Amino acid sequence: MVQRYFKRTVWIISFTIVSLIFAQNYKDYDELREAMVKTQIESRGVKDEDILSVMQDVPRHLFIDESLWPKAYSDGPLPIGHGQTISQPYIVAFMTDQLQVSSQHKVLEIGTGSGYQAAVLGELAKHVYTIEIIPELAEGAKNILNSLGYNNITCLL
């Protein structure tokens, strides 16, 4: 058990270092998302192929401030302003897995934040309704979701 924990910790540290190196040299984050899915999500037990695919496709870095892009695919939450954070990728995948969302579902999300979780859900569900009480976060999320073409997500304030 201790050895498995140690190996996982080494993987996470290695991935974080590699992420920082790649993020500084590439504007294309496909490789970082692929590594994120393998080392942070799949290795922790999320096996649903649809969720793994969505997590690999949704550009998490676009949901945070550009100054944080080098850390976008690291294993942790990141600040999004107003005392709020974007959840770590594993938590987003785990919560989505627990929902067992299908293409026929309509989903209500409370707390839009950056809009990242809504985007992940929007890839899987028929429609997502997401509510945010902080106007600046709601507006930012709405803008990024619209710019990415998510016309099946309704952001409410």
N, C-alpha and C. Protein backbone atom coordinates (compact mmCIF):
# COMPACT_ATOMS: atom_id res chain seq x y z
N MET A 1 0.82 -1.19 0.00
CA MET A 1 0.00 0.00 0.00
C MET A 1 0.87 1.25 0.00
N VAL A 2 1.88 1.29 0.88
CA VAL A 2 2.78 2.43 0.95
C VAL A 2 3.54 2.58 -0.36
N GLN A 3 3.96 1.45 -0.92
CA GLN A 3 4.71 1.48 -2.17
C GLN A 3 3.83 2.03 -3.31
N ARG A 4 2.57 1.64 -3.36
CA ARG A 4 1.66 2.14 -4.39
C ARG A 4 1.43 3.64 -4.22
N TYR A 5 1.27 4.09 -2.98
CA TYR A 5 1.12 5.52 -2.70
C TYR A 5 2.37 6.26 -3.15
N PHE A 6 3.55 5.71 -2.86
CA PHE A 6 4.81 6.33 -3.25
C PHE A 6 4.90 6.44 -4.77
N LYS A 7 4.57 5.36 -5.48
CA LYS A 7 4.61 5.38 -6.95
C LYS A 7 3.67 6.43 -7.50
N ARG A 8 2.46 6.50 -6.94
CA ARG A 8 1.49 7.49 -7.40
C ARG A 8 2.01 8.90 -7.16
N THR A 9 2.63 9.13 -6.00
CA THR A 9 3.18 10.44 -5.68
C THR A 9 4.29 10.81 -6.66
N VAL A 10 5.16 9.84 -6.97
CA VAL A 10 6.24 10.09 -7.93
C VAL A 10 5.65 10.43 -9.30
N TRP A 11 4.60 9.70 -9.72
CA TRP A 11 3.93 10.00 -11.00
C TRP A 11 3.38 11.42 -11.01
N ILE A 12 2.73 11.82 -9.93
CA ILE A 12 2.13 13.15 -9.86
C ILE A 12 3.20 14.23 -9.91
N ILE A 13 4.27 14.05 -9.15
CA ILE A 13 5.35 15.03 -9.15
C ILE A 13 5.99 15.09 -10.53
N SER A 14 6.24 13.94 -11.13
CA SER A 14 6.84 13.90 -12.47
C SER A 14 5.94 14.58 -13.48
N PHE A 15 4.65 14.28 -13.41
CA PHE A 15 3.71 14.89 -14.34
C PHE A 15 3.69 16.41 -14.18
N THR A 16 3.72 16.89 -12.94
CA THR A 16 3.69 18.33 -12.70
C THR A 16 4.92 19.00 -13.30
N ILE A 17 6.08 18.40 -13.11
CA ILE A 17 7.31 18.96 -13.68
C ILE A 17 7.24 18.97 -15.20
N VAL A 18 6.84 17.85 -15.78
CA VAL A 18 6.71 17.76 -17.24
C VAL A 18 5.68 18.77 -17.74
N SER A 19 4.59 18.92 -17.01
CA SER A 19 3.54 19.86 -17.40
C SER A 19 4.08 21.28 -17.48
N LEU A 20 4.87 21.65 -16.48
CA LEU A 20 5.42 23.00 -16.47
C LEU A 20 6.38 23.21 -17.64
N ILE A 21 7.18 22.21 -17.95
CA ILE A 21 8.11 22.32 -19.07
C ILE A 21 7.36 22.43 -20.39
N PHE A 22 6.42 21.52 -20.62
CA PHE A 22 5.64 21.55 -21.86
C PHE A 22 4.82 22.82 -21.99
N ALA A 23 4.20 23.24 -20.89
CA ALA A 23 3.31 24.40 -20.94
C ALA A 23 4.07 25.66 -21.31
N GLN A 24 5.32 25.74 -20.95
CA GLN A 24 6.10 26.91 -21.29
C GLN A 24 6.51 26.89 -22.75
N ASN A 25 6.55 25.74 -23.38
CA ASN A 25 7.04 25.64 -24.74
C ASN A 25 5.96 25.44 -25.80
N TYR A 26 4.74 25.11 -25.41
CA TYR A 26 3.70 24.81 -26.38
C TYR A 26 2.44 25.60 -26.10
N LYS A 27 1.79 26.07 -27.13
CA LYS A 27 0.46 26.67 -27.00
C LYS A 27 -0.59 25.59 -27.19
N ASP A 28 -0.20 24.48 -27.73
CA ASP A 28 -1.12 23.36 -27.95
C ASP A 28 -0.99 22.41 -26.76
N TYR A 29 -2.06 22.25 -26.02
CA TYR A 29 -2.02 21.51 -24.77
C TYR A 29 -2.55 20.08 -24.89
N ASP A 30 -2.65 19.57 -26.10
CA ASP A 30 -3.17 18.21 -26.30
C ASP A 30 -2.37 17.16 -25.52
N GLU A 31 -1.06 17.24 -25.58
CA GLU A 31 -0.22 16.26 -24.89
C GLU A 31 -0.38 16.35 -23.38
N LEU A 32 -0.53 17.56 -22.87
CA LEU A 32 -0.71 17.73 -21.43
C LEU A 32 -2.04 17.16 -20.97
N ARG A 33 -3.09 17.36 -21.77
CA ARG A 33 -4.39 16.79 -21.41
C ARG A 33 -4.33 15.27 -21.45
N GLU A 34 -3.66 14.72 -22.44
CA GLU A 34 -3.54 13.26 -22.53
C GLU A 34 -2.81 12.72 -21.30
N ALA A 35 -1.73 13.36 -20.91
CA ALA A 35 -0.99 12.93 -19.72
C ALA A 35 -1.83 13.10 -18.47
N MET A 36 -2.59 14.19 -18.39
CA MET A 36 -3.48 14.43 -17.25
C MET A 36 -4.47 13.28 -17.10
N VAL A 37 -5.07 12.89 -18.21
CA VAL A 37 -6.07 11.82 -18.17
C VAL A 37 -5.44 10.52 -17.70
N LYS A 38 -4.28 10.19 -18.21
CA LYS A 38 -3.64 8.92 -17.85
C LYS A 38 -3.13 8.91 -16.41
N THR A 39 -2.45 9.97 -16.00
CA THR A 39 -1.78 9.96 -14.69
C THR A 39 -2.67 10.39 -13.53
N GLN A 40 -3.65 11.23 -13.79
CA GLN A 40 -4.46 11.75 -12.69
C GLN A 40 -5.85 11.12 -12.61
N ILE A 41 -6.40 10.76 -13.74
CA ILE A 41 -7.81 10.37 -13.77
C ILE A 41 -7.97 8.86 -13.94
N GLU A 42 -7.45 8.34 -15.03
CA GLU A 42 -7.58 6.91 -15.31
C GLU A 42 -6.87 6.07 -14.25
N SER A 43 -5.71 6.51 -13.81
CA SER A 43 -4.95 5.75 -12.83
C SER A 43 -5.64 5.70 -11.46
N ARG A 44 -6.58 6.61 -11.23
CA ARG A 44 -7.32 6.64 -9.96
C ARG A 44 -8.68 5.97 -10.06
N GLY A 45 -8.95 5.31 -11.16
CA GLY A 45 -10.15 4.48 -11.20
C GLY A 45 -11.29 4.95 -12.08
N VAL A 46 -11.19 6.13 -12.69
CA VAL A 46 -12.24 6.54 -13.62
C VAL A 46 -11.97 5.81 -14.93
N LYS A 47 -12.89 4.95 -15.33
CA LYS A 47 -12.68 4.09 -16.50
C LYS A 47 -13.66 4.36 -17.64
N ASP A 48 -14.69 5.17 -17.40
CA ASP A 48 -15.68 5.46 -18.43
C ASP A 48 -15.01 6.13 -19.63
N GLU A 49 -15.02 5.47 -20.77
CA GLU A 49 -14.33 5.97 -21.97
C GLU A 49 -14.85 7.32 -22.43
N ASP A 50 -16.15 7.56 -22.29
CA ASP A 50 -16.71 8.86 -22.69
C ASP A 50 -16.15 9.98 -21.82
N ILE A 51 -16.07 9.74 -20.53
CA ILE A 51 -15.54 10.76 -19.63
C ILE A 51 -14.06 10.99 -19.89
N LEU A 52 -13.31 9.92 -20.07
CA LEU A 52 -11.88 10.07 -20.36
C LEU A 52 -11.67 10.85 -21.65
N SER A 53 -12.48 10.58 -22.65
CA SER A 53 -12.38 11.28 -23.92
C SER A 53 -12.71 12.76 -23.76
N VAL A 54 -13.77 13.05 -23.03
CA VAL A 54 -14.17 14.44 -22.81
C VAL A 54 -13.09 15.19 -22.03
N MET A 55 -12.55 14.58 -21.00
CA MET A 55 -11.50 15.22 -20.20
C MET A 55 -10.26 15.49 -21.05
N GLN A 56 -10.03 14.67 -22.03
CA GLN A 56 -8.89 14.87 -22.92
C GLN A 56 -9.18 15.97 -23.95
N ASP A 57 -10.44 16.20 -24.25
CA ASP A 57 -10.81 17.17 -25.28
C ASP A 57 -11.07 18.58 -24.77
N VAL A 58 -11.63 18.73 -23.58
CA VAL A 58 -12.01 20.07 -23.09
C VAL A 58 -10.76 20.82 -22.64
N PRO A 59 -10.51 21.99 -23.21
CA PRO A 59 -9.29 22.76 -22.93
C PRO A 59 -9.35 23.50 -21.59
N ARG A 60 -8.97 22.84 -20.51
CA ARG A 60 -9.05 23.41 -19.16
C ARG A 60 -8.33 24.75 -19.06
N HIS A 61 -7.23 24.89 -19.77
CA HIS A 61 -6.46 26.13 -19.66
C HIS A 61 -7.26 27.37 -20.08
N LEU A 62 -8.23 27.21 -20.95
CA LEU A 62 -9.02 28.35 -21.39
C LEU A 62 -10.00 28.84 -20.33
N PHE A 63 -10.20 28.06 -19.28
CA PHE A 63 -11.14 28.42 -18.22
C PHE A 63 -10.45 29.10 -17.03
N ILE A 64 -9.16 29.39 -17.17
CA ILE A 64 -8.41 30.06 -16.11
C ILE A 64 -7.66 31.24 -16.71
N ASP A 65 -7.12 32.09 -15.84
CA ASP A 65 -6.33 33.23 -16.29
C ASP A 65 -5.09 32.73 -17.04
N GLU A 66 -4.75 33.43 -18.10
CA GLU A 66 -3.62 33.01 -18.94
C GLU A 66 -2.31 32.88 -18.16
N SER A 67 -2.15 33.67 -17.12
CA SER A 67 -0.92 33.57 -16.32
C SER A 67 -0.79 32.21 -15.62
N LEU A 68 -1.90 31.49 -15.50
CA LEU A 68 -1.89 30.17 -14.85
C LEU A 68 -1.86 29.01 -15.83
N TRP A 69 -1.84 29.30 -17.12
CA TRP A 69 -1.86 28.24 -18.13
C TRP A 69 -0.78 27.18 -17.92
N PRO A 70 0.44 27.55 -17.49
CA PRO A 70 1.44 26.50 -17.26
C PRO A 70 1.03 25.48 -16.21
N LYS A 71 0.09 25.82 -15.34
CA LYS A 71 -0.36 24.92 -14.28
C LYS A 71 -1.72 24.30 -14.60
N ALA A 72 -2.28 24.58 -15.76
CA ALA A 72 -3.66 24.20 -16.08
C ALA A 72 -3.93 22.71 -15.95
N TYR A 73 -2.96 21.87 -16.24
CA TYR A 73 -3.19 20.43 -16.24
C TYR A 73 -2.50 19.74 -15.06
N SER A 74 -2.14 20.53 -14.06
CA SER A 74 -1.55 19.96 -12.84
C SER A 74 -2.65 19.37 -11.97
N ASP A 75 -2.25 18.61 -11.00
CA ASP A 75 -3.18 17.86 -10.16
C ASP A 75 -3.61 18.69 -8.95
N GLY A 76 -4.37 19.72 -9.21
CA GLY A 76 -4.85 20.54 -8.10
C GLY A 76 -5.80 21.61 -8.57
N PRO A 77 -6.51 22.21 -7.61
CA PRO A 77 -7.39 23.32 -7.95
C PRO A 77 -6.55 24.57 -8.24
N LEU A 78 -7.13 25.51 -8.97
CA LEU A 78 -6.45 26.76 -9.28
C LEU A 78 -7.41 27.92 -9.03
N PRO A 79 -6.88 29.08 -8.64
CA PRO A 79 -7.77 30.23 -8.38
C PRO A 79 -8.39 30.76 -9.67
N ILE A 80 -9.66 31.17 -9.56
CA ILE A 80 -10.35 31.79 -10.70
C ILE A 80 -10.87 33.18 -10.34
N GLY A 81 -10.48 33.66 -9.16
CA GLY A 81 -10.91 34.99 -8.71
C GLY A 81 -12.08 34.91 -7.77
N HIS A 82 -12.30 36.01 -7.05
CA HIS A 82 -13.43 36.13 -6.13
C HIS A 82 -13.43 35.05 -5.06
N GLY A 83 -12.23 34.60 -4.68
CA GLY A 83 -12.12 33.58 -3.63
C GLY A 83 -12.55 32.19 -4.05
N GLN A 84 -12.67 31.95 -5.35
CA GLN A 84 -13.14 30.67 -5.87
C GLN A 84 -12.01 29.96 -6.61
N THR A 85 -12.20 28.65 -6.83
CA THR A 85 -11.21 27.86 -7.56
C THR A 85 -11.90 26.99 -8.61
N ILE A 86 -11.12 26.61 -9.60
CA ILE A 86 -11.52 25.57 -10.54
C ILE A 86 -11.07 24.26 -9.90
N SER A 87 -11.96 23.29 -9.85
CA SER A 87 -11.64 22.02 -9.20
C SER A 87 -10.51 21.29 -9.93
N GLN A 88 -9.79 20.46 -9.19
CA GLN A 88 -8.73 19.68 -9.82
C GLN A 88 -9.35 18.73 -10.84
N PRO A 89 -8.63 18.40 -11.89
CA PRO A 89 -9.19 17.57 -12.96
C PRO A 89 -9.76 16.24 -12.47
N TYR A 90 -9.09 15.57 -11.55
CA TYR A 90 -9.61 14.30 -11.07
C TYR A 90 -10.99 14.46 -10.42
N ILE A 91 -11.17 15.51 -9.64
CA ILE A 91 -12.45 15.73 -8.97
C ILE A 91 -13.55 15.96 -10.00
N VAL A 92 -13.27 16.73 -11.04
CA VAL A 92 -14.24 16.95 -12.11
C VAL A 92 -14.62 15.62 -12.76
N ALA A 93 -13.62 14.81 -13.07
CA ALA A 93 -13.88 13.51 -13.70
C ALA A 93 -14.64 12.58 -12.75
N PHE A 94 -14.25 12.55 -11.49
CA PHE A 94 -14.90 11.69 -10.51
C PHE A 94 -16.36 12.08 -10.32
N MET A 95 -16.63 13.37 -10.15
CA MET A 95 -18.02 13.82 -9.98
C MET A 95 -18.85 13.48 -11.21
N THR A 96 -18.27 13.68 -12.37
CA THR A 96 -18.98 13.38 -13.62
C THR A 96 -19.27 11.89 -13.72
N ASP A 97 -18.29 11.08 -13.36
CA ASP A 97 -18.46 9.62 -13.37
C ASP A 97 -19.59 9.20 -12.44
N GLN A 98 -19.65 9.81 -11.26
CA GLN A 98 -20.68 9.46 -10.28
C GLN A 98 -22.08 9.83 -10.77
N LEU A 99 -22.17 10.87 -11.59
CA LEU A 99 -23.48 11.29 -12.12
C LEU A 99 -24.05 10.32 -13.15
N GLN A 100 -23.18 9.60 -13.83
CA GLN A 100 -23.60 8.68 -14.88
C GLN A 100 -24.49 9.39 -15.91
N VAL A 101 -23.96 10.49 -16.43
CA VAL A 101 -24.69 11.35 -17.38
C VAL A 101 -24.81 10.66 -18.73
N SER A 102 -25.99 10.78 -19.34
CA SER A 102 -26.17 10.26 -20.70
C SER A 102 -26.63 11.40 -21.61
N SER A 103 -26.62 11.13 -22.88
CA SER A 103 -26.98 12.15 -23.88
C SER A 103 -28.45 12.55 -23.83
N GLN A 104 -29.23 11.86 -23.03
CA GLN A 104 -30.66 12.21 -22.88
C GLN A 104 -30.91 13.07 -21.64
N HIS A 105 -29.92 13.23 -20.80
CA HIS A 105 -30.10 13.94 -19.53
C HIS A 105 -30.04 15.45 -19.68
N LYS A 106 -30.80 16.12 -18.83
CA LYS A 106 -30.68 17.55 -18.59
C LYS A 106 -30.09 17.68 -17.20
N VAL A 107 -29.04 18.49 -17.08
CA VAL A 107 -28.29 18.58 -15.82
C VAL A 107 -28.39 19.99 -15.26
N LEU A 108 -28.56 20.08 -13.95
CA LEU A 108 -28.52 21.36 -13.24
C LEU A 108 -27.25 21.39 -12.41
N GLU A 109 -26.43 22.39 -12.68
CA GLU A 109 -25.20 22.57 -11.91
C GLU A 109 -25.35 23.84 -11.07
N ILE A 110 -25.07 23.72 -9.80
CA ILE A 110 -25.11 24.87 -8.90
C ILE A 110 -23.67 25.30 -8.64
N GLY A 111 -23.33 26.51 -9.06
CA GLY A 111 -21.98 27.02 -8.88
C GLY A 111 -21.16 26.85 -10.15
N THR A 112 -21.40 27.70 -11.12
CA THR A 112 -20.73 27.61 -12.42
C THR A 112 -19.23 27.80 -12.31
N GLY A 113 -18.81 28.73 -11.47
CA GLY A 113 -17.39 29.03 -11.36
C GLY A 113 -16.82 29.46 -12.70
N SER A 114 -15.80 28.77 -13.15
CA SER A 114 -15.15 29.10 -14.43
C SER A 114 -15.93 28.57 -15.63
N GLY A 115 -16.79 27.58 -15.40
CA GLY A 115 -17.54 26.96 -16.49
C GLY A 115 -16.95 25.65 -16.96
N TYR A 116 -15.82 25.25 -16.40
CA TYR A 116 -15.15 24.02 -16.85
C TYR A 116 -16.00 22.77 -16.63
N GLN A 117 -16.55 22.63 -15.43
CA GLN A 117 -17.40 21.45 -15.17
C GLN A 117 -18.61 21.47 -16.09
N ALA A 118 -19.18 22.63 -16.33
CA ALA A 118 -20.33 22.74 -17.24
C ALA A 118 -19.93 22.28 -18.65
N ALA A 119 -18.74 22.65 -19.09
CA ALA A 119 -18.27 22.23 -20.42
C ALA A 119 -18.13 20.71 -20.49
N VAL A 120 -17.56 20.12 -19.44
CA VAL A 120 -17.42 18.65 -19.40
C VAL A 120 -18.80 18.01 -19.46
N LEU A 121 -19.73 18.50 -18.65
CA LEU A 121 -21.09 17.97 -18.66
C LEU A 121 -21.79 18.21 -19.99
N GLY A 122 -21.52 19.37 -20.58
CA GLY A 122 -22.13 19.72 -21.86
C GLY A 122 -21.73 18.79 -23.00
N GLU A 123 -20.58 18.16 -22.87
CA GLU A 123 -20.13 17.19 -23.87
C GLU A 123 -20.89 15.87 -23.76
N LEU A 124 -21.48 15.63 -22.59
CA LEU A 124 -22.11 14.35 -22.31
C LEU A 124 -23.63 14.41 -22.26
N ALA A 125 -24.18 15.53 -21.83
CA ALA A 125 -25.62 15.65 -21.58
C ALA A 125 -26.33 16.36 -22.74
N LYS A 126 -27.63 16.19 -22.76
CA LYS A 126 -28.45 16.89 -23.75
C LYS A 126 -28.39 18.40 -23.52
N HIS A 127 -28.55 18.81 -22.27
CA HIS A 127 -28.50 20.23 -21.93
C HIS A 127 -28.03 20.40 -20.49
N VAL A 128 -27.28 21.47 -20.24
CA VAL A 128 -26.80 21.80 -18.90
C VAL A 128 -27.31 23.20 -18.55
N TYR A 129 -27.93 23.30 -17.39
CA TYR A 129 -28.31 24.58 -16.82
C TYR A 129 -27.38 24.81 -15.65
N THR A 130 -26.67 25.92 -15.65
CA THR A 130 -25.70 26.19 -14.61
C THR A 130 -25.94 27.56 -14.01
N ILE A 131 -25.89 27.63 -12.68
CA ILE A 131 -26.21 28.85 -11.95
C ILE A 131 -25.00 29.31 -11.16
N GLU A 132 -24.71 30.62 -11.25
CA GLU A 132 -23.58 31.21 -10.52
C GLU A 132 -24.06 32.49 -9.85
N ILE A 133 -23.71 32.70 -8.56
CA ILE A 133 -24.16 33.90 -7.86
C ILE A 133 -23.18 35.07 -7.96
N ILE A 134 -21.97 34.82 -8.42
CA ILE A 134 -20.99 35.89 -8.58
C ILE A 134 -21.07 36.37 -10.03
N PRO A 135 -21.58 37.59 -10.26
CA PRO A 135 -21.82 38.06 -11.62
C PRO A 135 -20.60 37.99 -12.54
N GLU A 136 -19.42 38.34 -12.03
CA GLU A 136 -18.22 38.34 -12.87
C GLU A 136 -17.85 36.92 -13.32
N LEU A 137 -18.02 35.95 -12.43
CA LEU A 137 -17.74 34.57 -12.81
C LEU A 137 -18.78 34.06 -13.80
N ALA A 138 -20.04 34.40 -13.56
CA ALA A 138 -21.11 33.97 -14.47
C ALA A 138 -20.86 34.53 -15.88
N GLU A 139 -20.51 35.78 -15.95
CA GLU A 139 -20.27 36.41 -17.26
C GLU A 139 -19.05 35.81 -17.94
N GLY A 140 -17.98 35.60 -17.19
CA GLY A 140 -16.77 34.99 -17.75
C GLY A 140 -17.03 33.58 -18.27
N ALA A 141 -17.74 32.80 -17.48
CA ALA A 141 -18.06 31.42 -17.90
C ALA A 141 -18.94 31.43 -19.14
N LYS A 142 -19.94 32.29 -19.14
CA LYS A 142 -20.84 32.38 -20.29
C LYS A 142 -20.06 32.74 -21.56
N ASN A 143 -19.14 33.68 -21.44
CA ASN A 143 -18.34 34.09 -22.60
C ASN A 143 -17.48 32.97 -23.14
N ILE A 144 -16.78 32.27 -22.25
CA ILE A 144 -15.90 31.20 -22.72
C ILE A 144 -16.70 30.04 -23.29
N LEU A 145 -17.80 29.69 -22.64
CA LEU A 145 -18.63 28.59 -23.15
C LEU A 145 -19.22 28.94 -24.52
N ASN A 146 -19.65 30.17 -24.69
CA ASN A 146 -20.17 30.60 -25.99
C ASN A 146 -19.07 30.60 -27.04
N SER A 147 -17.88 31.07 -26.67
CA SER A 147 -16.78 31.11 -27.65
C SER A 147 -16.35 29.71 -28.08
N LEU A 148 -16.55 28.73 -27.21
CA LEU A 148 -16.20 27.34 -27.55
C LEU A 148 -17.35 26.60 -28.25
N GLY A 149 -18.46 27.29 -28.43
CA GLY A 149 -19.57 26.71 -29.19
C GLY A 149 -20.52 25.84 -28.40
N TYR A 150 -20.55 25.98 -27.09
CA TYR A 150 -21.46 25.19 -26.28
C TYR A 150 -22.86 25.83 -26.30
N ASN A 151 -23.66 25.43 -27.27
CA ASN A 151 -25.01 25.98 -27.36
C ASN A 151 -26.02 25.13 -26.60
N ASN A 152 -25.55 24.12 -25.90
CA ASN A 152 -26.44 23.29 -25.05
C ASN A 152 -26.20 23.57 -23.57
N ILE A 153 -25.59 24.73 -23.27
CA ILE A 153 -25.36 25.12 -21.89
C ILE A 153 -25.97 26.50 -21.68
N THR A 154 -26.82 26.60 -20.66
CA THR A 154 -27.45 27.86 -20.30
C THR A 154 -26.88 28.33 -18.97
N CYS A 155 -26.23 29.49 -18.98
CA CYS A 155 -25.66 30.07 -17.76
C CYS A 155 -26.67 31.06 -17.17
N LEU A 156 -26.97 30.86 -15.90
CA LEU A 156 -27.92 31.73 -15.21
C LEU A 156 -27.25 32.41 -14.03
N LEU A 157 -27.72 33.62 -13.73
CA LEU A 157 -27.19 34.37 -12.59
C LEU A 157 -28.24 34.43 -11.53
